[in-house]
Amino acid sequence: MLNRIIPSSISTSEYENNKPAYFIDGERVDKILIEKLNPSDIKYINVSKVDKQYPNGKIDIVSKKEKES
């Protein structure tokens, strides 16, 4: 359903470049994957603006998962 390729060069200096941290189903991803994500694959999005670990915010996307048999 979702492509699970995680880029090898995720910025570790979000505080310096003022960008939030992006996650899909609990896995850290690059913004490029977020932009390519099909909106119909998203169950919900949680935006956290108060997180000591991510001072510029955290965007956590939970996808719709196929039923496992």
N, C-alpha and C. Protein backbone atom coordinates (compact mmCIF):
# COMPACT_ATOMS: atom_id res chain seq x y z
N MET A 1 0.83 -1.19 0.00
CA MET A 1 0.00 0.00 0.00
C MET A 1 0.88 1.25 0.00
N LEU A 2 1.68 1.44 1.04
CA LEU A 2 2.58 2.59 1.09
C LEU A 2 3.99 2.13 0.78
N ASN A 3 4.70 2.93 0.04
CA ASN A 3 6.09 2.63 -0.25
C ASN A 3 6.92 2.91 0.99
N ARG A 4 7.63 1.93 1.49
CA ARG A 4 8.36 2.06 2.75
C ARG A 4 9.83 2.37 2.53
N ILE A 5 10.16 3.08 1.47
CA ILE A 5 11.55 3.47 1.25
C ILE A 5 11.82 4.72 2.07
N ILE A 6 12.76 4.63 3.00
CA ILE A 6 13.10 5.76 3.84
C ILE A 6 14.42 6.32 3.34
N PRO A 7 14.44 7.58 2.93
CA PRO A 7 15.67 8.17 2.42
C PRO A 7 16.79 8.10 3.45
N SER A 8 18.00 7.90 2.97
CA SER A 8 19.14 7.78 3.88
C SER A 8 19.59 9.12 4.44
N SER A 9 19.09 10.21 3.87
CA SER A 9 19.56 11.52 4.30
C SER A 9 18.44 12.37 4.89
N ILE A 10 17.87 11.92 6.00
CA ILE A 10 16.87 12.72 6.70
C ILE A 10 17.61 13.73 7.55
N SER A 11 17.22 14.97 7.43
CA SER A 11 17.90 16.03 8.15
C SER A 11 17.80 15.82 9.66
N THR A 12 18.93 15.93 10.33
CA THR A 12 18.93 15.81 11.79
C THR A 12 18.97 17.17 12.46
N SER A 13 18.92 18.22 11.67
CA SER A 13 19.00 19.56 12.26
C SER A 13 17.72 20.35 12.00
N GLU A 14 16.55 19.75 12.37
CA GLU A 14 15.28 20.43 12.14
C GLU A 14 15.22 21.77 12.86
N TYR A 15 15.85 21.83 14.03
CA TYR A 15 15.81 23.07 14.79
C TYR A 15 16.48 24.20 14.02
N GLU A 16 17.56 23.89 13.34
CA GLU A 16 18.29 24.91 12.58
C GLU A 16 17.54 25.34 11.33
N ASN A 17 16.91 24.40 10.63
CA ASN A 17 16.24 24.76 9.38
C ASN A 17 14.74 24.96 9.55
N ASN A 18 14.25 24.94 10.79
CA ASN A 18 12.88 25.29 11.12
C ASN A 18 11.84 24.41 10.43
N LYS A 19 12.12 23.11 10.30
CA LYS A 19 11.18 22.19 9.66
C LYS A 19 10.71 21.16 10.69
N PRO A 20 9.43 20.75 10.56
CA PRO A 20 8.93 19.74 11.50
C PRO A 20 9.47 18.35 11.15
N ALA A 21 9.31 17.42 12.07
CA ALA A 21 9.66 16.02 11.84
C ALA A 21 8.42 15.32 11.29
N TYR A 22 8.61 14.47 10.28
CA TYR A 22 7.51 13.77 9.64
C TYR A 22 7.60 12.28 9.95
N PHE A 23 6.43 11.67 10.25
CA PHE A 23 6.35 10.24 10.54
C PHE A 23 5.16 9.65 9.81
N ILE A 24 5.33 8.43 9.29
CA ILE A 24 4.21 7.65 8.74
C ILE A 24 4.19 6.33 9.50
N ASP A 25 3.08 6.06 10.16
CA ASP A 25 2.91 4.84 10.96
C ASP A 25 4.08 4.62 11.92
N GLY A 26 4.53 5.69 12.53
CA GLY A 26 5.58 5.60 13.54
C GLY A 26 7.00 5.58 13.00
N GLU A 27 7.18 5.58 11.68
CA GLU A 27 8.51 5.57 11.08
C GLU A 27 8.86 6.96 10.58
N ARG A 28 10.04 7.43 10.92
CA ARG A 28 10.51 8.75 10.48
C ARG A 28 10.73 8.72 8.97
N VAL A 29 10.19 9.72 8.28
CA VAL A 29 10.31 9.80 6.82
C VAL A 29 10.68 11.22 6.41
N ASP A 30 11.10 11.35 5.19
CA ASP A 30 11.43 12.65 4.62
C ASP A 30 10.16 13.29 4.06
N LYS A 31 10.15 14.60 3.99
CA LYS A 31 8.98 15.34 3.49
C LYS A 31 8.60 14.93 2.08
N ILE A 32 9.57 14.49 1.29
CA ILE A 32 9.29 14.07 -0.09
C ILE A 32 8.28 12.92 -0.12
N LEU A 33 8.40 11.98 0.82
CA LEU A 33 7.44 10.88 0.89
C LEU A 33 6.05 11.37 1.28
N ILE A 34 5.99 12.36 2.13
CA ILE A 34 4.70 12.94 2.53
C ILE A 34 4.02 13.56 1.32
N GLU A 35 4.79 14.27 0.50
CA GLU A 35 4.23 14.92 -0.67
C GLU A 35 3.74 13.92 -1.71
N LYS A 36 4.31 12.73 -1.75
CA LYS A 36 3.92 11.71 -2.72
C LYS A 36 2.80 10.81 -2.20
N LEU A 37 2.44 10.96 -0.93
CA LEU A 37 1.43 10.11 -0.31
C LEU A 37 0.05 10.40 -0.88
N ASN A 38 -0.67 9.35 -1.22
CA ASN A 38 -2.03 9.48 -1.74
C ASN A 38 -2.96 9.82 -0.58
N PRO A 39 -3.70 10.91 -0.66
CA PRO A 39 -4.59 11.30 0.44
C PRO A 39 -5.60 10.22 0.84
N SER A 40 -6.01 9.38 -0.10
CA SER A 40 -6.98 8.33 0.24
C SER A 40 -6.35 7.21 1.06
N ASP A 41 -5.01 7.18 1.19
CA ASP A 41 -4.33 6.20 2.01
C ASP A 41 -4.17 6.65 3.47
N ILE A 42 -4.60 7.87 3.77
CA ILE A 42 -4.44 8.44 5.11
C ILE A 42 -5.68 8.19 5.95
N LYS A 43 -5.45 7.61 7.14
CA LYS A 43 -6.55 7.42 8.09
C LYS A 43 -6.74 8.71 8.89
N TYR A 44 -5.64 9.23 9.47
CA TYR A 44 -5.69 10.52 10.15
C TYR A 44 -4.29 11.08 10.31
N ILE A 45 -4.24 12.38 10.63
CA ILE A 45 -2.99 13.10 10.82
C ILE A 45 -3.02 13.75 12.19
N ASN A 46 -1.93 13.61 12.94
CA ASN A 46 -1.81 14.25 14.24
C ASN A 46 -0.64 15.25 14.16
N VAL A 47 -0.91 16.48 14.51
CA VAL A 47 0.13 17.52 14.51
C VAL A 47 0.41 17.91 15.96
N SER A 48 1.67 17.76 16.36
CA SER A 48 2.08 18.11 17.71
C SER A 48 3.03 19.30 17.64
N LYS A 49 2.64 20.38 18.27
CA LYS A 49 3.47 21.58 18.26
C LYS A 49 4.29 21.71 19.54
N VAL A 50 3.96 20.90 20.55
CA VAL A 50 4.66 20.97 21.82
C VAL A 50 5.30 19.61 22.09
N ASP A 51 6.54 19.46 21.66
CA ASP A 51 7.28 18.22 21.87
C ASP A 51 8.74 18.58 22.05
N LYS A 52 9.29 18.30 23.22
CA LYS A 52 10.68 18.69 23.50
C LYS A 52 11.67 18.06 22.54
N GLN A 53 11.36 16.85 22.07
CA GLN A 53 12.26 16.16 21.14
C GLN A 53 12.22 16.79 19.75
N TYR A 54 11.09 17.38 19.37
CA TYR A 54 10.92 18.00 18.05
C TYR A 54 10.44 19.44 18.23
N PRO A 55 11.35 20.37 18.49
CA PRO A 55 10.98 21.74 18.82
C PRO A 55 10.25 22.48 17.70
N ASN A 56 10.37 22.03 16.46
CA ASN A 56 9.66 22.67 15.35
C ASN A 56 8.39 21.94 14.98
N GLY A 57 7.98 20.99 15.80
CA GLY A 57 6.73 20.27 15.57
C GLY A 57 6.96 18.86 15.04
N LYS A 58 5.90 18.08 15.16
CA LYS A 58 5.93 16.69 14.70
C LYS A 58 4.61 16.43 13.97
N ILE A 59 4.71 15.93 12.75
CA ILE A 59 3.55 15.57 11.96
C ILE A 59 3.53 14.05 11.85
N ASP A 60 2.53 13.45 12.44
CA ASP A 60 2.42 11.99 12.49
C ASP A 60 1.21 11.56 11.68
N ILE A 61 1.46 10.81 10.60
CA ILE A 61 0.40 10.35 9.71
C ILE A 61 0.18 8.87 9.96
N VAL A 62 -1.08 8.49 10.17
CA VAL A 62 -1.44 7.09 10.33
C VAL A 62 -2.19 6.68 9.07
N SER A 63 -1.68 5.63 8.42
CA SER A 63 -2.28 5.21 7.15
C SER A 63 -3.39 4.18 7.37
N LYS A 64 -4.20 4.06 6.34
CA LYS A 64 -5.19 2.98 6.32
C LYS A 64 -4.41 1.72 5.97
N LYS A 65 -4.53 0.70 6.77
CA LYS A 65 -3.80 -0.53 6.51
C LYS A 65 -4.76 -1.60 6.00
N GLU A 66 -4.26 -2.43 5.09
CA GLU A 66 -5.07 -3.53 4.59
C GLU A 66 -5.25 -4.55 5.70
N LYS A 67 -6.40 -5.22 5.71
CA LYS A 67 -6.65 -6.25 6.72
C LYS A 67 -5.69 -7.40 6.52
N GLU A 68 -5.11 -7.85 7.62
CA GLU A 68 -4.23 -9.00 7.56
C GLU A 68 -5.06 -10.26 7.73
N SER A 69 -4.76 -11.28 6.95
CA SER A 69 -5.57 -12.51 7.04
C SER A 69 -5.00 -13.49 8.03
